[in-house]
Amino acid sequence: MIAWGPETIQLYNDSYRPICGAKHPESMGQNFRICWETALPVVGDAFTRGQQGQGTYIQDQRMFLDRYGYLEESFMTFSFAPIRDDSGQVGGIFHPITETTDKMLSARRTQVLCDVATRTAQAKSQQAIYDSLLEAQPTFSLDLPFLLFYELDADGQQARLVGSSGLSGGRNYQLI
């Protein structure tokens, strides 16, 4: 993608289209800062430095993008490289980008599974499992937003909620 001129008008090839999601085709010819308003808190400074003539490179940057009408967690590796015009001034920004969301989410979620398995294996009782996972749940909240622990009665017909985390309290959650 190239953001050209003082209006930072976007021009891009087919390889950039997946980055745009449902914003394409309207994003073609749109001002970069308007199109990527939700990313500016993360990338705005680097983009401005590119406009000032300083190239930047950022690897696996987490950001929340609105590409399909809602904010989605995404990860990108990209750079902002100034393009000089005939006068030697910065005329635009070259912005190669690769989405790394699948790689980053897979790594994070694999780590959560590993941590849960380790905590479960080290526990000496059911209560120790509950306590250990309830303690850790806030650190896993992006991938395990809540936990509910139920214990079955002796005949296996009824379940009783014995612990929860990540949900507002006072509810009686039912097993279906």
N, C-alpha and C. Protein backbone atom coordinates (compact mmCIF):
# COMPACT_ATOMS: atom_id res chain seq x y z
N MET A 1 0.85 -1.17 0.00
CA MET A 1 0.00 0.00 0.00
C MET A 1 0.89 1.23 0.00
N ILE A 2 0.46 2.25 -0.68
CA ILE A 2 1.12 3.55 -0.68
C ILE A 2 0.08 4.56 -0.22
N ALA A 3 0.47 5.38 0.75
CA ALA A 3 -0.35 6.52 1.18
C ALA A 3 0.31 7.74 0.58
N TRP A 4 -0.36 8.38 -0.38
CA TRP A 4 0.31 9.42 -1.17
C TRP A 4 -0.28 10.80 -0.90
N GLY A 5 0.63 11.77 -0.86
CA GLY A 5 0.27 13.18 -0.77
C GLY A 5 -0.10 13.61 0.63
N PRO A 6 -0.37 14.89 0.78
CA PRO A 6 -0.72 15.41 2.10
C PRO A 6 -2.03 14.82 2.64
N GLU A 7 -2.88 14.33 1.75
CA GLU A 7 -4.14 13.69 2.17
C GLU A 7 -3.96 12.21 2.45
N THR A 8 -2.76 11.70 2.29
CA THR A 8 -2.40 10.28 2.50
C THR A 8 -3.43 9.35 1.86
N ILE A 9 -3.65 9.54 0.57
CA ILE A 9 -4.60 8.75 -0.21
C ILE A 9 -4.02 7.36 -0.43
N GLN A 10 -4.81 6.33 -0.10
CA GLN A 10 -4.35 4.94 -0.22
C GLN A 10 -4.46 4.43 -1.65
N LEU A 11 -3.38 3.83 -2.11
CA LEU A 11 -3.33 3.10 -3.37
C LEU A 11 -2.72 1.76 -3.04
N TYR A 12 -3.36 0.67 -3.47
CA TYR A 12 -2.83 -0.64 -3.11
C TYR A 12 -3.13 -1.68 -4.18
N ASN A 13 -2.41 -2.79 -4.06
CA ASN A 13 -2.60 -3.90 -5.00
C ASN A 13 -3.49 -4.97 -4.37
N ASP A 14 -3.71 -6.03 -5.12
CA ASP A 14 -4.59 -7.11 -4.65
C ASP A 14 -4.09 -7.78 -3.38
N SER A 15 -2.79 -7.78 -3.14
CA SER A 15 -2.25 -8.42 -1.93
C SER A 15 -2.67 -7.70 -0.66
N TYR A 16 -3.00 -6.43 -0.77
CA TYR A 16 -3.41 -5.64 0.40
C TYR A 16 -4.91 -5.77 0.69
N ARG A 17 -5.68 -6.23 -0.27
CA ARG A 17 -7.13 -6.31 -0.10
C ARG A 17 -7.57 -7.10 1.13
N PRO A 18 -6.95 -8.25 1.45
CA PRO A 18 -7.39 -8.96 2.66
C PRO A 18 -7.19 -8.15 3.95
N ILE A 19 -6.21 -7.28 3.97
CA ILE A 19 -6.01 -6.42 5.14
C ILE A 19 -7.21 -5.50 5.31
N CYS A 20 -7.77 -5.04 4.21
CA CYS A 20 -8.90 -4.11 4.24
C CYS A 20 -10.21 -4.78 4.63
N GLY A 21 -10.34 -6.09 4.37
CA GLY A 21 -11.59 -6.76 4.67
C GLY A 21 -12.74 -6.14 3.91
N ALA A 22 -13.85 -5.91 4.60
CA ALA A 22 -15.05 -5.36 3.97
C ALA A 22 -14.93 -3.87 3.66
N LYS A 23 -13.85 -3.25 4.08
CA LYS A 23 -13.63 -1.83 3.74
C LYS A 23 -13.35 -1.65 2.25
N HIS A 24 -12.85 -2.70 1.60
CA HIS A 24 -12.58 -2.64 0.16
C HIS A 24 -13.91 -2.77 -0.58
N PRO A 25 -14.19 -2.03 -1.59
CA PRO A 25 -13.33 -1.16 -2.38
C PRO A 25 -13.31 0.29 -1.91
N GLU A 26 -14.14 0.66 -0.90
CA GLU A 26 -14.19 2.06 -0.47
C GLU A 26 -12.84 2.55 0.06
N SER A 27 -12.03 1.65 0.59
CA SER A 27 -10.73 2.05 1.16
C SER A 27 -9.74 2.49 0.08
N MET A 28 -9.92 2.03 -1.14
CA MET A 28 -9.05 2.48 -2.23
C MET A 28 -9.34 3.96 -2.50
N GLY A 29 -8.30 4.78 -2.39
CA GLY A 29 -8.46 6.21 -2.59
C GLY A 29 -8.89 6.96 -1.35
N GLN A 30 -9.05 6.25 -0.24
CA GLN A 30 -9.46 6.89 1.01
C GLN A 30 -8.24 7.38 1.79
N ASN A 31 -8.42 8.39 2.60
CA ASN A 31 -7.37 8.88 3.47
C ASN A 31 -6.99 7.79 4.47
N PHE A 32 -5.69 7.51 4.60
CA PHE A 32 -5.20 6.45 5.48
C PHE A 32 -5.70 6.64 6.91
N ARG A 33 -5.61 7.86 7.43
CA ARG A 33 -5.99 8.11 8.82
C ARG A 33 -7.49 7.94 9.05
N ILE A 34 -8.29 8.20 8.05
CA ILE A 34 -9.73 7.98 8.19
C ILE A 34 -10.03 6.49 8.10
N CYS A 35 -9.45 5.82 7.13
CA CYS A 35 -9.70 4.39 6.94
C CYS A 35 -9.30 3.58 8.16
N TRP A 36 -8.14 3.90 8.73
CA TRP A 36 -7.58 3.10 9.83
C TRP A 36 -7.62 3.83 11.16
N GLU A 37 -8.71 4.54 11.39
CA GLU A 37 -8.87 5.31 12.63
C GLU A 37 -8.72 4.44 13.87
N THR A 38 -9.23 3.22 13.87
CA THR A 38 -9.13 2.37 15.06
C THR A 38 -7.71 1.89 15.31
N ALA A 39 -6.85 1.91 14.30
CA ALA A 39 -5.46 1.48 14.48
C ALA A 39 -4.55 2.64 14.87
N LEU A 40 -4.99 3.86 14.72
CA LEU A 40 -4.12 5.02 14.96
C LEU A 40 -3.55 5.09 16.38
N PRO A 41 -4.28 4.69 17.41
CA PRO A 41 -3.65 4.73 18.74
C PRO A 41 -2.37 3.89 18.80
N VAL A 42 -2.27 2.87 17.97
CA VAL A 42 -1.10 1.99 17.97
C VAL A 42 -0.09 2.39 16.90
N VAL A 43 -0.56 2.73 15.71
CA VAL A 43 0.37 2.97 14.59
C VAL A 43 0.52 4.44 14.20
N GLY A 44 -0.28 5.32 14.77
CA GLY A 44 -0.27 6.71 14.37
C GLY A 44 1.09 7.38 14.49
N ASP A 45 1.81 7.13 15.59
CA ASP A 45 3.12 7.74 15.78
C ASP A 45 4.11 7.25 14.74
N ALA A 46 4.11 5.96 14.46
CA ALA A 46 5.03 5.40 13.46
C ALA A 46 4.71 5.95 12.07
N PHE A 47 3.42 6.10 11.76
CA PHE A 47 3.02 6.67 10.48
C PHE A 47 3.49 8.11 10.36
N THR A 48 3.31 8.89 11.42
CA THR A 48 3.77 10.29 11.43
C THR A 48 5.28 10.38 11.25
N ARG A 49 6.02 9.49 11.91
CA ARG A 49 7.48 9.49 11.73
C ARG A 49 7.84 9.20 10.28
N GLY A 50 7.10 8.31 9.63
CA GLY A 50 7.32 8.05 8.21
C GLY A 50 7.08 9.29 7.37
N GLN A 51 6.03 10.04 7.70
CA GLN A 51 5.75 11.28 6.98
C GLN A 51 6.86 12.32 7.19
N GLN A 52 7.55 12.20 8.31
CA GLN A 52 8.64 13.13 8.62
C GLN A 52 9.98 12.65 8.07
N GLY A 53 9.97 11.49 7.37
CA GLY A 53 11.17 11.01 6.71
C GLY A 53 11.91 9.89 7.43
N GLN A 54 11.37 9.41 8.53
CA GLN A 54 12.01 8.34 9.29
C GLN A 54 11.25 7.02 9.06
N GLY A 55 11.95 6.03 8.54
CA GLY A 55 11.32 4.73 8.33
C GLY A 55 11.14 3.99 9.65
N THR A 56 10.10 3.18 9.72
CA THR A 56 9.83 2.37 10.92
C THR A 56 9.50 0.95 10.50
N TYR A 57 9.79 0.01 11.39
CA TYR A 57 9.45 -1.40 11.19
C TYR A 57 8.89 -1.92 12.50
N ILE A 58 7.74 -2.56 12.44
CA ILE A 58 7.08 -3.07 13.64
C ILE A 58 6.66 -4.51 13.36
N GLN A 59 7.03 -5.40 14.27
CA GLN A 59 6.77 -6.83 14.09
C GLN A 59 5.69 -7.30 15.05
N ASP A 60 4.73 -8.05 14.52
CA ASP A 60 3.68 -8.69 15.31
C ASP A 60 2.98 -7.72 16.26
N GLN A 61 2.61 -6.56 15.75
CA GLN A 61 1.96 -5.54 16.55
C GLN A 61 0.49 -5.88 16.74
N ARG A 62 0.05 -5.91 17.99
CA ARG A 62 -1.35 -6.16 18.30
C ARG A 62 -2.13 -4.86 18.15
N MET A 63 -3.28 -4.96 17.50
CA MET A 63 -4.16 -3.80 17.36
C MET A 63 -5.59 -4.30 17.16
N PHE A 64 -6.52 -3.41 17.37
CA PHE A 64 -7.92 -3.73 17.15
C PHE A 64 -8.40 -2.96 15.93
N LEU A 65 -8.79 -3.71 14.91
CA LEU A 65 -9.18 -3.11 13.64
C LEU A 65 -10.68 -3.31 13.39
N ASP A 66 -11.27 -2.30 12.78
CA ASP A 66 -12.65 -2.40 12.33
C ASP A 66 -12.59 -2.62 10.82
N ARG A 67 -12.65 -3.90 10.43
CA ARG A 67 -12.61 -4.24 9.00
C ARG A 67 -13.92 -4.81 8.50
N TYR A 68 -14.72 -5.31 9.43
CA TYR A 68 -15.98 -5.97 9.06
C TYR A 68 -17.17 -5.43 9.86
N GLY A 69 -17.04 -4.21 10.37
CA GLY A 69 -18.13 -3.61 11.12
C GLY A 69 -18.06 -3.84 12.61
N TYR A 70 -16.99 -4.43 13.11
CA TYR A 70 -16.78 -4.64 14.54
C TYR A 70 -15.27 -4.64 14.79
N LEU A 71 -14.87 -4.40 16.02
CA LEU A 71 -13.45 -4.42 16.35
C LEU A 71 -12.99 -5.86 16.50
N GLU A 72 -11.89 -6.18 15.86
CA GLU A 72 -11.32 -7.52 15.97
C GLU A 72 -9.85 -7.41 16.36
N GLU A 73 -9.43 -8.30 17.24
CA GLU A 73 -8.03 -8.35 17.61
C GLU A 73 -7.24 -8.88 16.42
N SER A 74 -6.19 -8.17 16.07
CA SER A 74 -5.37 -8.60 14.94
C SER A 74 -3.92 -8.27 15.24
N PHE A 75 -3.04 -8.95 14.53
CA PHE A 75 -1.60 -8.73 14.66
C PHE A 75 -1.03 -8.53 13.27
N MET A 76 -0.13 -7.55 13.16
CA MET A 76 0.45 -7.21 11.87
C MET A 76 1.95 -6.97 12.01
N THR A 77 2.69 -7.34 10.97
CA THR A 77 4.09 -6.96 10.83
C THR A 77 4.14 -6.02 9.64
N PHE A 78 4.72 -4.83 9.83
CA PHE A 78 4.66 -3.82 8.79
C PHE A 78 5.77 -2.79 8.97
N SER A 79 5.88 -1.95 7.95
CA SER A 79 6.77 -0.80 8.05
C SER A 79 6.11 0.39 7.38
N PHE A 80 6.60 1.57 7.74
CA PHE A 80 6.23 2.81 7.08
C PHE A 80 7.54 3.40 6.56
N ALA A 81 7.71 3.41 5.25
CA ALA A 81 8.94 3.92 4.64
C ALA A 81 8.62 5.15 3.80
N PRO A 82 9.30 6.25 4.06
CA PRO A 82 9.03 7.46 3.28
C PRO A 82 9.40 7.29 1.81
N ILE A 83 8.60 7.86 0.93
CA ILE A 83 8.88 7.91 -0.50
C ILE A 83 9.15 9.38 -0.82
N ARG A 84 10.32 9.64 -1.35
CA ARG A 84 10.70 11.01 -1.68
C ARG A 84 10.15 11.40 -3.05
N ASP A 85 9.68 12.62 -3.17
CA ASP A 85 9.21 13.12 -4.46
C ASP A 85 10.36 13.83 -5.20
N ASP A 86 10.05 14.46 -6.32
CA ASP A 86 11.08 15.11 -7.15
C ASP A 86 11.84 16.20 -6.41
N SER A 87 11.20 16.82 -5.42
CA SER A 87 11.85 17.90 -4.68
C SER A 87 12.70 17.39 -3.53
N GLY A 88 12.66 16.09 -3.29
CA GLY A 88 13.40 15.52 -2.16
C GLY A 88 12.59 15.46 -0.87
N GLN A 89 11.38 16.01 -0.90
CA GLN A 89 10.50 15.97 0.28
C GLN A 89 9.74 14.64 0.29
N VAL A 90 9.18 14.31 1.43
CA VAL A 90 8.37 13.09 1.54
C VAL A 90 7.05 13.33 0.80
N GLY A 91 6.84 12.54 -0.24
CA GLY A 91 5.62 12.65 -1.02
C GLY A 91 4.58 11.64 -0.61
N GLY A 92 5.04 10.56 0.01
CA GLY A 92 4.12 9.51 0.42
C GLY A 92 4.81 8.50 1.31
N ILE A 93 4.07 7.49 1.67
CA ILE A 93 4.55 6.42 2.55
C ILE A 93 4.32 5.08 1.87
N PHE A 94 5.38 4.28 1.80
CA PHE A 94 5.25 2.89 1.35
C PHE A 94 5.00 2.06 2.59
N HIS A 95 3.94 1.23 2.54
CA HIS A 95 3.48 0.49 3.72
C HIS A 95 3.28 -0.99 3.40
N PRO A 96 4.41 -1.75 3.32
CA PRO A 96 4.24 -3.20 3.18
C PRO A 96 3.75 -3.77 4.51
N ILE A 97 2.86 -4.76 4.44
CA ILE A 97 2.25 -5.29 5.66
C ILE A 97 1.93 -6.77 5.47
N THR A 98 2.09 -7.53 6.54
CA THR A 98 1.73 -8.94 6.57
C THR A 98 0.90 -9.20 7.82
N GLU A 99 -0.24 -9.81 7.66
CA GLU A 99 -1.05 -10.16 8.84
C GLU A 99 -0.48 -11.41 9.49
N THR A 100 -0.28 -11.34 10.80
CA THR A 100 0.26 -12.47 11.57
C THR A 100 -0.70 -12.91 12.66
N THR A 101 -1.97 -12.57 12.52
CA THR A 101 -2.97 -12.88 13.55
C THR A 101 -3.03 -14.37 13.85
N ASP A 102 -3.12 -15.21 12.82
CA ASP A 102 -3.21 -16.65 13.06
C ASP A 102 -2.02 -17.17 13.85
N LYS A 103 -0.84 -16.76 13.48
CA LYS A 103 0.38 -17.19 14.16
C LYS A 103 0.38 -16.75 15.62
N MET A 104 0.05 -15.50 15.87
CA MET A 104 0.12 -14.96 17.22
C MET A 104 -0.97 -15.53 18.13
N LEU A 105 -2.19 -15.65 17.61
CA LEU A 105 -3.26 -16.23 18.42
C LEU A 105 -3.01 -17.70 18.70
N SER A 106 -2.52 -18.43 17.71
CA SER A 106 -2.20 -19.84 17.92
C SER A 106 -1.14 -20.01 19.00
N ALA A 107 -0.12 -19.20 18.96
CA ALA A 107 0.95 -19.29 19.97
C ALA A 107 0.41 -18.95 21.36
N ARG A 108 -0.39 -17.89 21.46
CA ARG A 108 -0.93 -17.49 22.76
C ARG A 108 -1.88 -18.56 23.30
N ARG A 109 -2.74 -19.10 22.46
CA ARG A 109 -3.71 -20.10 22.91
C ARG A 109 -3.04 -21.42 23.25
N THR A 110 -2.00 -21.77 22.52
CA THR A 110 -1.23 -22.98 22.86
C THR A 110 -0.59 -22.80 24.23
N GLN A 111 -0.08 -21.61 24.52
CA GLN A 111 0.52 -21.34 25.83
C GLN A 111 -0.53 -21.43 26.95
N VAL A 112 -1.73 -20.94 26.69
CA VAL A 112 -2.81 -21.05 27.68
C VAL A 112 -3.11 -22.52 27.95
N LEU A 113 -3.23 -23.33 26.91
CA LEU A 113 -3.49 -24.76 27.09
C LEU A 113 -2.37 -25.43 27.89
N CYS A 114 -1.14 -25.08 27.59
CA CYS A 114 0.00 -25.62 28.32
C CYS A 114 -0.07 -25.22 29.79
N ASP A 115 -0.36 -23.96 30.07
CA ASP A 115 -0.44 -23.48 31.45
C ASP A 115 -1.59 -24.17 32.21
N VAL A 116 -2.73 -24.32 31.56
CA VAL A 116 -3.86 -25.00 32.20
C VAL A 116 -3.51 -26.46 32.50
N ALA A 117 -2.90 -27.13 31.53
CA ALA A 117 -2.51 -28.53 31.74
C ALA A 117 -1.50 -28.65 32.88
N THR A 118 -0.54 -27.75 32.93
CA THR A 118 0.47 -27.80 34.00
C THR A 118 -0.18 -27.57 35.35
N ARG A 119 -1.03 -26.59 35.47
CA ARG A 119 -1.71 -26.30 36.74
C ARG A 119 -2.59 -27.47 37.16
N THR A 120 -3.27 -28.08 36.21
CA THR A 120 -4.13 -29.22 36.52
C THR A 120 -3.30 -30.42 36.97
N ALA A 121 -2.21 -30.68 36.29
CA ALA A 121 -1.35 -31.84 36.62
C ALA A 121 -0.70 -31.69 37.99
N GLN A 122 -0.40 -30.47 38.39
CA GLN A 122 0.28 -30.24 39.66
C GLN A 122 -0.67 -30.26 40.85
N ALA A 123 -1.96 -30.15 40.60
CA ALA A 123 -2.92 -30.08 41.69
C ALA A 123 -3.11 -31.46 42.33
N LYS A 124 -3.31 -31.45 43.64
CA LYS A 124 -3.48 -32.70 44.40
C LYS A 124 -4.94 -33.00 44.72
N SER A 125 -5.84 -32.10 44.40
CA SER A 125 -7.27 -32.31 44.66
C SER A 125 -8.08 -31.51 43.66
N GLN A 126 -9.39 -31.80 43.60
CA GLN A 126 -10.26 -31.02 42.73
C GLN A 126 -10.25 -29.55 43.15
N GLN A 127 -10.30 -29.31 44.46
CA GLN A 127 -10.32 -27.93 44.95
C GLN A 127 -9.04 -27.21 44.56
N ALA A 128 -7.92 -27.91 44.59
CA ALA A 128 -6.66 -27.29 44.18
C ALA A 128 -6.68 -26.93 42.69
N ILE A 129 -7.34 -27.75 41.87
CA ILE A 129 -7.50 -27.43 40.45
C ILE A 129 -8.31 -26.15 40.31
N TYR A 130 -9.46 -26.10 40.99
CA TYR A 130 -10.32 -24.93 40.90
C TYR A 130 -9.56 -23.68 41.34
N ASP A 131 -8.91 -23.76 42.51
CA ASP A 131 -8.21 -22.59 43.05
C ASP A 131 -7.11 -22.11 42.10
N SER A 132 -6.35 -23.05 41.57
CA SER A 132 -5.23 -22.69 40.70
C SER A 132 -5.73 -22.02 39.41
N LEU A 133 -6.77 -22.60 38.80
CA LEU A 133 -7.29 -22.03 37.55
C LEU A 133 -8.05 -20.73 37.78
N LEU A 134 -8.75 -20.63 38.91
CA LEU A 134 -9.44 -19.37 39.21
C LEU A 134 -8.43 -18.24 39.44
N GLU A 135 -7.33 -18.57 40.07
CA GLU A 135 -6.27 -17.58 40.29
C GLU A 135 -5.67 -17.11 38.96
N ALA A 136 -5.50 -18.03 38.03
CA ALA A 136 -4.84 -17.72 36.76
C ALA A 136 -5.78 -17.15 35.71
N GLN A 137 -7.08 -17.34 35.85
CA GLN A 137 -8.03 -16.94 34.80
C GLN A 137 -7.87 -15.51 34.32
N PRO A 138 -7.65 -14.53 35.18
CA PRO A 138 -7.49 -13.16 34.64
C PRO A 138 -6.34 -13.03 33.63
N THR A 139 -5.29 -13.80 33.79
CA THR A 139 -4.18 -13.73 32.84
C THR A 139 -4.52 -14.45 31.53
N PHE A 140 -5.52 -15.30 31.55
CA PHE A 140 -5.96 -16.03 30.36
C PHE A 140 -7.21 -15.40 29.74
N SER A 141 -7.66 -14.25 30.23
CA SER A 141 -9.00 -13.75 29.92
C SER A 141 -9.25 -13.48 28.43
N LEU A 142 -8.21 -13.22 27.64
CA LEU A 142 -8.43 -13.01 26.21
C LEU A 142 -8.86 -14.30 25.52
N ASP A 143 -8.43 -15.43 26.04
CA ASP A 143 -8.74 -16.72 25.41
C ASP A 143 -9.69 -17.58 26.24
N LEU A 144 -9.71 -17.37 27.55
CA LEU A 144 -10.68 -18.01 28.43
C LEU A 144 -11.39 -16.90 29.21
N PRO A 145 -12.39 -16.27 28.60
CA PRO A 145 -13.01 -15.11 29.24
C PRO A 145 -13.72 -15.43 30.55
N PHE A 146 -14.12 -16.67 30.73
CA PHE A 146 -14.74 -17.05 31.99
C PHE A 146 -14.51 -18.54 32.23
N LEU A 147 -14.65 -18.94 33.49
CA LEU A 147 -14.56 -20.35 33.89
C LEU A 147 -15.74 -20.66 34.79
N LEU A 148 -16.32 -21.82 34.62
CA LEU A 148 -17.36 -22.35 35.50
C LEU A 148 -16.97 -23.77 35.88
N PHE A 149 -16.94 -24.05 37.17
CA PHE A 149 -16.62 -25.40 37.63
C PHE A 149 -17.86 -26.00 38.28
N TYR A 150 -18.22 -27.19 37.81
CA TYR A 150 -19.35 -27.92 38.34
C TYR A 150 -18.86 -29.26 38.87
N GLU A 151 -19.47 -29.71 39.93
CA GLU A 151 -19.22 -31.06 40.43
C GLU A 151 -20.51 -31.85 40.33
N LEU A 152 -20.38 -33.08 39.82
CA LEU A 152 -21.53 -33.97 39.72
C LEU A 152 -21.78 -34.65 41.06
N ASP A 153 -23.09 -34.88 41.38
CA ASP A 153 -23.39 -35.62 42.60
C ASP A 153 -23.06 -37.09 42.39
N ALA A 154 -23.22 -37.89 43.42
CA ALA A 154 -22.78 -39.29 43.40
C ALA A 154 -23.43 -40.10 42.27
N ASP A 155 -24.69 -39.83 41.97
CA ASP A 155 -25.34 -40.61 40.90
C ASP A 155 -25.14 -39.99 39.50
N GLY A 156 -24.46 -38.85 39.43
CA GLY A 156 -24.15 -38.24 38.14
C GLY A 156 -25.33 -37.57 37.47
N GLN A 157 -26.42 -37.35 38.20
CA GLN A 157 -27.63 -36.76 37.62
C GLN A 157 -27.73 -35.26 37.83
N GLN A 158 -27.08 -34.75 38.86
CA GLN A 158 -27.15 -33.33 39.18
C GLN A 158 -25.74 -32.75 39.26
N ALA A 159 -25.62 -31.50 38.85
CA ALA A 159 -24.34 -30.80 38.94
C ALA A 159 -24.53 -29.54 39.78
N ARG A 160 -23.51 -29.23 40.54
CA ARG A 160 -23.56 -28.07 41.43
C ARG A 160 -22.38 -27.17 41.08
N LEU A 161 -22.66 -25.87 40.90
CA LEU A 161 -21.62 -24.89 40.61
C LEU A 161 -20.76 -24.72 41.86
N VAL A 162 -19.45 -24.95 41.72
CA VAL A 162 -18.55 -24.84 42.87
C VAL A 162 -17.52 -23.73 42.69
N GLY A 163 -17.47 -23.10 41.54
CA GLY A 163 -16.54 -22.00 41.33
C GLY A 163 -16.75 -21.35 39.99
N SER A 164 -16.45 -20.05 39.93
CA SER A 164 -16.56 -19.33 38.67
C SER A 164 -15.63 -18.12 38.70
N SER A 165 -15.28 -17.68 37.51
CA SER A 165 -14.44 -16.50 37.36
C SER A 165 -14.74 -15.86 36.01
N GLY A 166 -14.69 -14.54 35.97
CA GLY A 166 -14.84 -13.84 34.71
C GLY A 166 -16.25 -13.43 34.35
N LEU A 167 -17.23 -13.81 35.18
CA LEU A 167 -18.63 -13.43 34.95
C LEU A 167 -19.12 -12.65 36.15
N SER A 168 -20.08 -11.75 35.90
CA SER A 168 -20.64 -11.01 37.03
C SER A 168 -21.36 -11.98 37.94
N GLY A 169 -21.23 -11.78 39.21
CA GLY A 169 -21.69 -12.73 40.22
C GLY A 169 -23.18 -12.81 40.37
N GLY A 170 -23.60 -13.73 41.22
CA GLY A 170 -24.98 -13.87 41.60
C GLY A 170 -25.83 -14.70 40.68
N ARG A 171 -25.29 -15.21 39.62
CA ARG A 171 -26.10 -16.01 38.69
C ARG A 171 -25.98 -17.48 39.02
N ASN A 172 -27.04 -18.21 38.73
CA ASN A 172 -27.01 -19.66 38.88
C ASN A 172 -26.95 -20.25 37.48
N TYR A 173 -25.78 -20.69 37.07
CA TYR A 173 -25.56 -21.19 35.71
C TYR A 173 -26.01 -22.65 35.63
N GLN A 174 -26.76 -22.97 34.60
CA GLN A 174 -27.30 -24.30 34.41
C GLN A 174 -26.49 -25.09 33.39
N LEU A 175 -26.32 -26.36 33.63
CA LEU A 175 -25.74 -27.25 32.63
C LEU A 175 -26.85 -27.66 31.69
N ILE A 176 -26.53 -27.68 30.42
CA ILE A 176 -27.56 -28.06 29.41
C ILE A 176 -27.23 -29.44 28.92
